[in-house]
PDB file of N, CA and C in Angstrom:
ATOM      1  N   MET A   1      -8.795   3.626   0.160  1.00  0.00           N
ATOM      2  CA  MET A   1      -9.488   2.838   1.151  1.00  0.00           C
ATOM      3  C   MET A   1      -8.963   1.399   1.173  1.00  0.00           C
ATOM      4  N   VAL A   2      -8.824   0.795  -0.009  1.00  0.00           N
ATOM      5  CA  VAL A   2      -8.356  -0.585  -0.106  1.00  0.00           C
ATOM      6  C   VAL A   2      -7.417  -0.676  -1.294  1.00  0.00           C
ATOM      7  N   GLY A   3      -6.319  -1.406  -1.131  1.00  0.00           N
ATOM      8  CA  GLY A   3      -5.383  -1.564  -2.232  1.00  0.00           C
ATOM      9  C   GLY A   3      -4.856  -2.982  -2.311  1.00  0.00           C
ATOM     10  N   GLU A   4      -4.220  -3.259  -3.437  1.00  0.00           N
ATOM     11  CA  GLU A   4      -3.643  -4.587  -3.633  1.00  0.00           C
ATOM     12  C   GLU A   4      -2.397  -4.769  -2.788  1.00  0.00           C
ATOM     13  N   THR A   5      -2.189  -5.987  -2.375  1.00  0.00           N
ATOM     14  CA  THR A   5      -0.950  -6.355  -1.721  1.00  0.00           C
ATOM     15  C   THR A   5      -0.695  -7.830  -1.979  1.00  0.00           C
ATOM     16  N   LEU A   6       0.490  -8.265  -1.669  1.00  0.00           N
ATOM     17  CA  LEU A   6       0.873  -9.664  -1.838  1.00  0.00           C
ATOM     18  C   LEU A   6       1.129 -10.248  -0.459  1.00  0.00           C
ATOM     19  N   PRO A   7       0.182 -10.995   0.083  1.00  0.00           N
ATOM     20  CA  PRO A   7       0.339 -11.525   1.443  1.00  0.00           C
ATOM     21  C   PRO A   7       1.619 -12.336   1.638  1.00  0.00           C
ATOM     22  N   LYS A   8       2.092 -12.998   0.588  1.00  0.00           N
ATOM     23  CA  LYS A   8       3.310 -13.788   0.747  1.00  0.00           C
ATOM     24  C   LYS A   8       4.524 -12.902   1.033  1.00  0.00           C
ATOM     25  N   GLY A   9       4.405 -11.594   0.791  1.00  0.00           N
ATOM     26  CA  GLY A   9       5.502 -10.678   1.022  1.00  0.00           C
ATOM     27  C   GLY A   9       5.541 -10.106   2.415  1.00  0.00           C
ATOM     28  N   CYS A  10       4.570 -10.475   3.250  1.00  0.00           N
ATOM     29  CA  CYS A  10       4.528  -9.933   4.603  1.00  0.00           C
ATOM     30  C   CYS A  10       4.293 -11.072   5.573  1.00  0.00           C
ATOM     31  N   THR A  11       5.242 -11.327   6.423  1.00  0.00           N
ATOM     32  CA  THR A  11       5.118 -12.441   7.365  1.00  0.00           C
ATOM     33  C   THR A  11       4.097 -12.182   8.459  1.00  0.00           C
ATOM     34  N   PHE A  12       3.657 -10.947   8.609  1.00  0.00           N
ATOM     35  CA  PHE A  12       2.731 -10.617   9.688  1.00  0.00           C
ATOM     36  C   PHE A  12       1.311 -10.382   9.194  1.00  0.00           C
ATOM     37  N   MET A  13       0.932 -10.985   8.069  1.00  0.00           N
ATOM     38  CA  MET A  13      -0.436 -10.837   7.578  1.00  0.00           C
ATOM     39  C   MET A  13      -1.250 -12.047   7.992  1.00  0.00           C
ATOM     40  N   GLY A  14      -1.826 -11.972   9.139  1.00  0.00           N
ATOM     41  CA  GLY A  14      -2.661 -13.047   9.648  1.00  0.00           C
ATOM     42  C   GLY A  14      -3.581 -12.491  10.711  1.00  0.00           C
ATOM     43  N   LEU A  15      -4.670 -13.142  10.953  1.00  0.00           N
ATOM     44  CA  LEU A  15      -5.680 -12.639  11.871  1.00  0.00           C
ATOM     45  C   LEU A  15      -5.144 -12.353  13.260  1.00  0.00           C
ATOM     46  N   TYR A  16      -4.184 -13.133  13.714  1.00  0.00           N
ATOM     47  CA  TYR A  16      -3.701 -12.971  15.071  1.00  0.00           C
ATOM     48  C   TYR A  16      -2.384 -12.205  15.155  1.00  0.00           C
ATOM     49  N   SER A  17      -2.000 -11.549  14.082  1.00  0.00           N
ATOM     50  CA  SER A  17      -0.783 -10.751  14.088  1.00  0.00           C
ATOM     51  C   SER A  17      -1.110  -9.306  14.409  1.00  0.00           C
ATOM     52  N   GLN A  18      -0.095  -8.561  14.819  1.00  0.00           N
ATOM     53  CA  GLN A  18      -0.340  -7.179  15.236  1.00  0.00           C
ATOM     54  C   GLN A  18      -0.752  -6.260  14.098  1.00  0.00           C
ATOM     55  N   ASN A  19      -0.486  -6.604  12.860  1.00  0.00           N
ATOM     56  CA  ASN A  19      -0.906  -5.727  11.765  1.00  0.00           C
ATOM     57  C   ASN A  19      -1.641  -6.516  10.691  1.00  0.00           C
ATOM     58  N   PHE A  20      -2.437  -7.508  11.107  1.00  0.00           N
ATOM     59  CA  PHE A  20      -3.074  -8.427  10.179  1.00  0.00           C
ATOM     60  C   PHE A  20      -3.271  -7.830   8.808  1.00  0.00           C
ATOM     61  N   PRO A  21      -4.202  -8.175   7.977  1.00  0.00           N
ATOM     62  CA  PRO A  21      -4.116  -7.780   6.571  1.00  0.00           C
ATOM     63  C   PRO A  21      -4.267  -6.284   6.325  1.00  0.00           C
ATOM     64  N   LEU A  22      -3.400  -5.512   6.886  1.00  0.00           N
ATOM     65  CA  LEU A  22      -3.388  -4.078   6.653  1.00  0.00           C
ATOM     66  C   LEU A  22      -2.057  -3.704   6.029  1.00  0.00           C
ATOM     67  N   SER A  23      -2.096  -2.756   5.151  1.00  0.00           N
ATOM     68  CA  SER A  23      -0.871  -2.237   4.562  1.00  0.00           C
ATOM     69  C   SER A  23      -0.878  -0.731   4.725  1.00  0.00           C
ATOM     70  N   GLY A  24       0.261  -0.129   4.539  1.00  0.00           N
ATOM     71  CA  GLY A  24       0.348   1.308   4.695  1.00  0.00           C
ATOM     72  C   GLY A  24       1.071   1.959   3.538  1.00  0.00           C
ATOM     73  N   THR A  25       0.933   3.260   3.471  1.00  0.00           N
ATOM     74  CA  THR A  25       1.598   4.019   2.411  1.00  0.00           C
ATOM     75  C   THR A  25       2.977   4.504   2.842  1.00  0.00           C
ATOM     76  N   SER A  26       3.432   4.084   4.004  1.00  0.00           N
ATOM     77  CA  SER A  26       4.770   4.481   4.435  1.00  0.00           C
ATOM     78  C   SER A  26       5.852   3.682   3.723  1.00  0.00           C
ATOM     79  N   ILE A  27       5.462   2.621   3.039  1.00  0.00           N
ATOM     80  CA  ILE A  27       6.379   1.812   2.239  1.00  0.00           C
ATOM     81  C   ILE A  27       6.098   2.138   0.779  1.00  0.00           C
ATOM     82  N   PRO A  28       7.090   2.447  -0.023  1.00  0.00           N
ATOM     83  CA  PRO A  28       6.842   2.805  -1.423  1.00  0.00           C
ATOM     84  C   PRO A  28       6.023   1.738  -2.158  1.00  0.00           C
ATOM     85  N   LEU A  29       5.158   2.182  -3.026  1.00  0.00           N
ATOM     86  CA  LEU A  29       4.304   1.300  -3.811  1.00  0.00           C
ATOM     87  C   LEU A  29       5.153   0.322  -4.616  1.00  0.00           C
ATOM     88  N   ASN A  30       4.795  -0.946  -4.552  1.00  0.00           N
ATOM     89  CA  ASN A  30       5.475  -2.044  -5.239  1.00  0.00           C
ATOM     90  C   ASN A  30       6.908  -2.260  -4.766  1.00  0.00           C
ATOM     91  N   HIS A  31       7.196  -1.865  -3.538  1.00  0.00           N
ATOM     92  CA  HIS A  31       8.521  -2.126  -2.960  1.00  0.00           C
ATOM     93  C   HIS A  31       8.595  -3.604  -2.604  1.00  0.00           C
ATOM     94  N   MET A  32       9.437  -4.334  -3.313  1.00  0.00           N
ATOM     95  CA  MET A  32       9.568  -5.773  -3.095  1.00  0.00           C
ATOM     96  C   MET A  32      10.814  -6.050  -2.264  1.00  0.00           C
ATOM     97  N   GLU A  33      10.619  -6.731  -1.179  1.00  0.00           N
ATOM     98  CA  GLU A  33      11.719  -7.085  -0.306  1.00  0.00           C
ATOM     99  C   GLU A  33      11.322  -8.362   0.429  1.00  0.00           C
ATOM    100  N   ASP A  34      12.252  -9.258   0.629  1.00  0.00           N
ATOM    101  CA  ASP A  34      11.955 -10.479   1.346  1.00  0.00           C
ATOM    102  C   ASP A  34      11.637 -10.165   2.802  1.00  0.00           C
ATOM    103  N   ALA A  35      10.611 -10.831   3.317  1.00  0.00           N
ATOM    104  CA  ALA A  35      10.223 -10.627   4.708  1.00  0.00           C
ATOM    105  C   ALA A  35      11.023 -11.560   5.599  1.00  0.00           C
ATOM    106  N   VAL A  36      11.902 -10.987   6.357  1.00  0.00           N
ATOM    107  CA  VAL A  36      12.659 -11.740   7.356  1.00  0.00           C
ATOM    108  C   VAL A  36      12.520 -11.025   8.687  1.00  0.00           C
ATOM    109  N   ASP A  37      12.943 -11.668   9.735  1.00  0.00           N
ATOM    110  CA  ASP A  37      12.739 -11.108  11.079  1.00  0.00           C
ATOM    111  C   ASP A  37      13.275  -9.697  11.254  1.00  0.00           C
ATOM    112  N   THR A  38      14.338  -9.341  10.575  1.00  0.00           N
ATOM    113  CA  THR A  38      14.956  -8.039  10.805  1.00  0.00           C
ATOM    114  C   THR A  38      14.334  -6.903  10.001  1.00  0.00           C
ATOM    115  N   ASN A  39      13.551  -7.204   8.972  1.00  0.00           N
ATOM    116  CA  ASN A  39      12.977  -6.118   8.159  1.00  0.00           C
ATOM    117  C   ASN A  39      11.487  -6.294   7.909  1.00  0.00           C
ATOM    118  N   TRP A  40      10.787  -6.969   8.768  1.00  0.00           N
ATOM    119  CA  TRP A  40       9.363  -7.217   8.573  1.00  0.00           C
ATOM    120  C   TRP A  40       8.569  -5.926   8.405  1.00  0.00           C
ATOM    121  N   TYR A  41       8.969  -4.856   9.043  1.00  0.00           N
ATOM    122  CA  TYR A  41       8.241  -3.587   8.997  1.00  0.00           C
ATOM    123  C   TYR A  41       8.364  -2.893   7.642  1.00  0.00           C
ATOM    124  N   ARG A  42       9.266  -3.353   6.761  1.00  0.00           N
ATOM    125  CA  ARG A  42       9.422  -2.746   5.434  1.00  0.00           C
ATOM    126  C   ARG A  42       8.762  -3.572   4.338  1.00  0.00           C
ATOM    127  N   THR A  43       8.058  -4.629   4.686  1.00  0.00           N
ATOM    128  CA  THR A  43       7.544  -5.529   3.659  1.00  0.00           C
ATOM    129  C   THR A  43       6.035  -5.507   3.508  1.00  0.00           C
ATOM    130  N   CYS A  44       5.311  -4.885   4.410  1.00  0.00           N
ATOM    131  CA  CYS A  44       3.852  -4.968   4.413  1.00  0.00           C
ATOM    132  C   CYS A  44       3.181  -3.775   3.733  1.00  0.00           C
ATOM    133  N   GLY A  45       3.729  -3.304   2.641  1.00  0.00           N
ATOM    134  CA  GLY A  45       3.121  -2.197   1.918  1.00  0.00           C
ATOM    135  C   GLY A  45       2.225  -2.686   0.800  1.00  0.00           C
ATOM    136  N   TYR A  46       1.625  -1.752   0.094  1.00  0.00           N
ATOM    137  CA  TYR A  46       0.795  -2.098  -1.061  1.00  0.00           C
ATOM    138  C   TYR A  46       1.703  -2.487  -2.213  1.00  0.00           C
ATOM    139  N   LYS A  47       1.362  -3.603  -2.846  1.00  0.00           N
ATOM    140  CA  LYS A  47       2.171  -4.073  -3.964  1.00  0.00           C
ATOM    141  C   LYS A  47       1.342  -5.041  -4.798  1.00  0.00           C
ATOM    142  N   SER A  48       1.745  -5.172  -6.037  1.00  0.00           N
ATOM    143  CA  SER A  48       1.060  -6.097  -6.929  1.00  0.00           C
ATOM    144  C   SER A  48       2.068  -6.670  -7.913  1.00  0.00           C
ATOM    145  N   GLU A  49       1.611  -7.621  -8.676  1.00  0.00           N
ATOM    146  CA  GLU A  49       2.450  -8.171  -9.733  1.00  0.00           C
ATOM    147  C   GLU A  49       2.143  -7.497 -11.068  1.00  0.00           C
ATOM    148  N   HIS A  50       1.340  -6.429 -11.036  1.00  0.00           N
ATOM    149  CA  HIS A  50       1.091  -5.633 -12.238  1.00  0.00           C
ATOM    150  C   HIS A  50       2.321  -4.788 -12.524  1.00  0.00           C
ATOM    151  N   LEU A  51       2.658  -4.669 -13.760  1.00  0.00           N
ATOM    152  CA  LEU A  51       3.805  -3.869 -14.149  1.00  0.00           C
ATOM    153  C   LEU A  51       3.516  -2.392 -13.905  1.00  0.00           C
ATOM    154  N   GLY A  52       4.289  -1.746 -13.076  1.00  0.00           N
ATOM    155  CA  GLY A  52       4.225  -0.300 -12.922  1.00  0.00           C
ATOM    156  C   GLY A  52       3.278   0.259 -11.903  1.00  0.00           C
ATOM    157  N   GLY A  53       2.590  -0.559 -11.107  1.00  0.00           N
ATOM    158  CA  GLY A  53       1.689   0.011 -10.113  1.00  0.00           C
ATOM    159  C   GLY A  53       0.760  -1.009  -9.497  1.00  0.00           C
ATOM    160  N   ALA A  54      -0.318  -0.517  -8.887  1.00  0.00           N
ATOM    161  CA  ALA A  54      -1.293  -1.390  -8.224  1.00  0.00           C
ATOM    162  C   ALA A  54      -2.668  -0.729  -8.280  1.00  0.00           C
ATOM    163  N   ASN A  55      -3.692  -1.533  -8.097  1.00  0.00           N
ATOM    164  CA  ASN A  55      -5.078  -1.039  -8.093  1.00  0.00           C
ATOM    165  C   ASN A  55      -5.507  -0.689  -6.679  1.00  0.00           C
ATOM    166  N   PHE A  56      -6.283   0.390  -6.579  1.00  0.00           N
ATOM    167  CA  PHE A  56      -6.814   0.844  -5.300  1.00  0.00           C
ATOM    168  C   PHE A  56      -8.293   1.160  -5.452  1.00  0.00           C
ATOM    169  N   ALA A  57      -9.092   0.747  -4.472  1.00  0.00           N
ATOM    170  CA  ALA A  57     -10.515   1.104  -4.418  1.00  0.00           C
ATOM    171  C   ALA A  57     -10.637   2.316  -3.493  1.00  0.00           C
ATOM    172  N   MET A  58     -11.328   3.322  -3.974  1.00  0.00           N
ATOM    173  CA  MET A  58     -11.468   4.564  -3.216  1.00  0.00           C
ATOM    174  C   MET A  58     -12.769   4.564  -2.414  1.00  0.00           C
ATOM    175  N   GLY A  59     -12.869   5.464  -1.481  1.00  0.00           N
ATOM    176  CA  GLY A  59     -14.050   5.571  -0.636  1.00  0.00           C
ATOM    177  C   GLY A  59     -15.325   5.883  -1.398  1.00  0.00           C
ATOM    178  N   ASP A  60     -15.200   6.455  -2.590  1.00  0.00           N
ATOM    179  CA  ASP A  60     -16.392   6.770  -3.385  1.00  0.00           C
ATOM    180  C   ASP A  60     -16.823   5.609  -4.275  1.00  0.00           C
ATOM    181  N   GLY A  61     -16.141   4.461  -4.163  1.00  0.00           N
ATOM    182  CA  GLY A  61     -16.496   3.289  -4.947  1.00  0.00           C
ATOM    183  C   GLY A  61     -15.730   3.153  -6.254  1.00  0.00           C
ATOM    184  N   SER A  62     -14.941   4.148  -6.612  1.00  0.00           N
ATOM    185  CA  SER A  62     -14.168   4.067  -7.850  1.00  0.00           C
ATOM    186  C   SER A  62     -12.895   3.260  -7.628  1.00  0.00           C
ATOM    187  N   VAL A  63     -12.351   2.739  -8.709  1.00  0.00           N
ATOM    188  CA  VAL A  63     -11.106   1.973  -8.658  1.00  0.00           C
ATOM    189  C   VAL A  63     -10.106   2.656  -9.578  1.00  0.00           C
ATOM    190  N   HIS A  64      -8.882   2.839  -9.094  1.00  0.00           N
ATOM    191  CA  HIS A  64      -7.835   3.501  -9.863  1.00  0.00           C
ATOM    192  C   HIS A  64      -6.558   2.680  -9.843  1.00  0.00           C
ATOM    193  N   PHE A  65      -5.875   2.659 -10.966  1.00  0.00           N
ATOM    194  CA  PHE A  65      -4.539   2.081 -11.026  1.00  0.00           C
ATOM    195  C   PHE A  65      -3.577   3.205 -10.677  1.00  0.00           C
ATOM    196  N   VAL A  66      -2.808   3.039  -9.628  1.00  0.00           N
ATOM    197  CA  VAL A  66      -1.852   4.058  -9.184  1.00  0.00           C
ATOM    198  C   VAL A  66      -0.465   3.612  -9.615  1.00  0.00           C
ATOM    199  N   ALA A  67       0.207   4.470 -10.357  1.00  0.00           N
ATOM    200  CA  ALA A  67       1.543   4.155 -10.857  1.00  0.00           C
ATOM    201  C   ALA A  67       2.557   4.202  -9.726  1.00  0.00           C
ATOM    202  N   GLN A  68       3.515   3.294  -9.758  1.00  0.00           N
ATOM    203  CA  GLN A  68       4.533   3.283  -8.710  1.00  0.00           C
ATOM    204  C   GLN A  68       5.481   4.463  -8.830  1.00  0.00           C
ATOM    205  N   THR A  69       5.353   5.239  -9.877  1.00  0.00           N
ATOM    206  CA  THR A  69       6.150   6.456 -10.019  1.00  0.00           C
ATOM    207  C   THR A  69       5.486   7.646  -9.331  1.00  0.00           C
ATOM    208  N   ILE A  70       4.373   7.414  -8.642  1.00  0.00           N
ATOM    209  CA  ILE A  70       3.695   8.495  -7.923  1.00  0.00           C
ATOM    210  C   ILE A  70       4.676   9.134  -6.942  1.00  0.00           C
ATOM    211  N   ASP A  71       4.583  10.435  -6.797  1.00  0.00           N
ATOM    212  CA  ASP A  71       5.418  11.150  -5.841  1.00  0.00           C
ATOM    213  C   ASP A  71       5.214  10.537  -4.456  1.00  0.00           C
ATOM    214  N   TYR A  72       6.306  10.188  -3.801  1.00  0.00           N
ATOM    215  CA  TYR A  72       6.223   9.476  -2.526  1.00  0.00           C
ATOM    216  C   TYR A  72       5.469  10.276  -1.466  1.00  0.00           C
ATOM    217  N   ARG A  73       5.655  11.573  -1.438  1.00  0.00           N
ATOM    218  CA  ARG A  73       4.940  12.395  -0.448  1.00  0.00           C
ATOM    219  C   ARG A  73       3.436  12.399  -0.727  1.00  0.00           C
ATOM    220  N   VAL A  74       3.052  12.535  -1.987  1.00  0.00           N
ATOM    221  CA  VAL A  74       1.633  12.491  -2.348  1.00  0.00           C
ATOM    222  C   VAL A  74       1.044  11.135  -1.976  1.00  0.00           C
ATOM    223  N   TYR A  75       1.781  10.067  -2.279  1.00  0.00           N
ATOM    224  CA  TYR A  75       1.336   8.713  -1.945  1.00  0.00           C
ATOM    225  C   TYR A  75       1.091   8.580  -0.447  1.00  0.00           C
ATOM    226  N   ASN A  76       2.002   9.091   0.362  1.00  0.00           N
ATOM    227  CA  ASN A  76       1.814   9.052   1.815  1.00  0.00           C
ATOM    228  C   ASN A  76       0.606   9.856   2.241  1.00  0.00           C
ATOM    229  N   GLU A  77       0.414  11.015   1.662  1.00  0.00           N
ATOM    230  CA  GLU A  77      -0.719  11.851   2.029  1.00  0.00           C
ATOM    231  C   GLU A  77      -2.049  11.216   1.621  1.00  0.00           C
ATOM    232  N   LEU A  78      -2.047  10.452   0.555  1.00  0.00           N
ATOM    233  CA  LEU A  78      -3.266   9.744   0.160  1.00  0.00           C
ATOM    234  C   LEU A  78      -3.625   8.653   1.167  1.00  0.00           C
ATOM    235  N   GLY A  79      -2.645   8.206   1.940  1.00  0.00           N
ATOM    236  CA  GLY A  79      -2.884   7.160   2.930  1.00  0.00           C
ATOM    237  C   GLY A  79      -3.457   7.669   4.243  1.00  0.00           C
ATOM    238  N   SER A  80      -3.731   8.944   4.326  1.00  0.00           N
ATOM    239  CA  SER A  80      -4.255   9.518   5.574  1.00  0.00           C
ATOM    240  C   SER A  80      -5.337  10.530   5.248  1.00  0.00           C
ATOM    241  N   ARG A  81      -6.325  10.582   6.094  1.00  0.00           N
ATOM    242  CA  ARG A  81      -7.331  11.634   5.953  1.00  0.00           C
ATOM    243  C   ARG A  81      -7.119  12.735   6.967  1.00  0.00           C
ATOM    244  N   ALA A  82      -6.085  12.598   7.773  1.00  0.00           N
ATOM    245  CA  ALA A  82      -5.830  13.525   8.873  1.00  0.00           C
ATOM    246  C   ALA A  82      -5.589  14.959   8.399  1.00  0.00           C
ATOM    247  N   GLY A  83      -4.954  15.121   7.247  1.00  0.00           N
ATOM    248  CA  GLY A  83      -4.627  16.460   6.786  1.00  0.00           C
ATOM    249  C   GLY A  83      -5.746  17.149   6.026  1.00  0.00           C
ATOM    250  N   GLY A  84      -6.804  16.403   5.686  1.00  0.00           N
ATOM    251  CA  GLY A  84      -7.935  16.982   4.971  1.00  0.00           C
ATOM    252  C   GLY A  84      -7.594  17.319   3.524  1.00  0.00           C
ATOM    253  N   GLU A  85      -6.514  16.726   2.982  1.00  0.00           N
ATOM    254  CA  GLU A  85      -6.110  17.016   1.620  1.00  0.00           C
ATOM    255  C   GLU A  85      -7.142  16.476   0.624  1.00  0.00           C
ATOM    256  N   THR A  86      -7.221  17.130  -0.506  1.00  0.00           N
ATOM    257  CA  THR A  86      -8.029  16.599  -1.603  1.00  0.00           C
ATOM    258  C   THR A  86      -7.084  16.292  -2.750  1.00  0.00           C
ATOM    259  N   CYS A  87      -7.418  15.276  -3.496  1.00  0.00           N
ATOM    260  CA  CYS A  87      -6.567  14.855  -4.586  1.00  0.00           C
ATOM    261  C   CYS A  87      -7.419  14.154  -5.621  1.00  0.00           C
ATOM    262  N   SER A  88      -7.042  14.247  -6.868  1.00  0.00           N
ATOM    263  CA  SER A  88      -7.752  13.490  -7.899  1.00  0.00           C
ATOM    264  C   SER A  88      -6.730  12.637  -8.644  1.00  0.00           C
ATOM    265  N   LEU A  89      -7.133  11.445  -8.963  1.00  0.00           N
ATOM    266  CA  LEU A  89      -6.293  10.528  -9.715  1.00  0.00           C
ATOM    267  C   LEU A  89      -6.878  10.386 -11.100  1.00  0.00           C
ATOM    268  N   PRO A  90      -6.031  10.192 -12.126  1.00  0.00           N
ATOM    269  CA  PRO A  90      -6.564  10.036 -13.486  1.00  0.00           C
ATOM    270  C   PRO A  90      -7.387   8.777 -13.633  1.00  0.00           C
TER     271      PRO A  90
END
């Protein structure tokens, strides 16, 4: 439901921007890249300065540290409820 991100890493995180403070799972967790005009769409993912992952708050109120080594497909599927998938995190 909610995850950590670093606003300084995304030039489009502002109230009047097209993707204000939202991040997506289409960018690998903790993918660090400088935000410049040509790659802005690759910089607004979930990321933290924690070694090895980031914290996420789930819809049930629990908080989990998700490792950046998570399978990329599973990570993407966790970012959508469209498929009706169920998953448990340690």
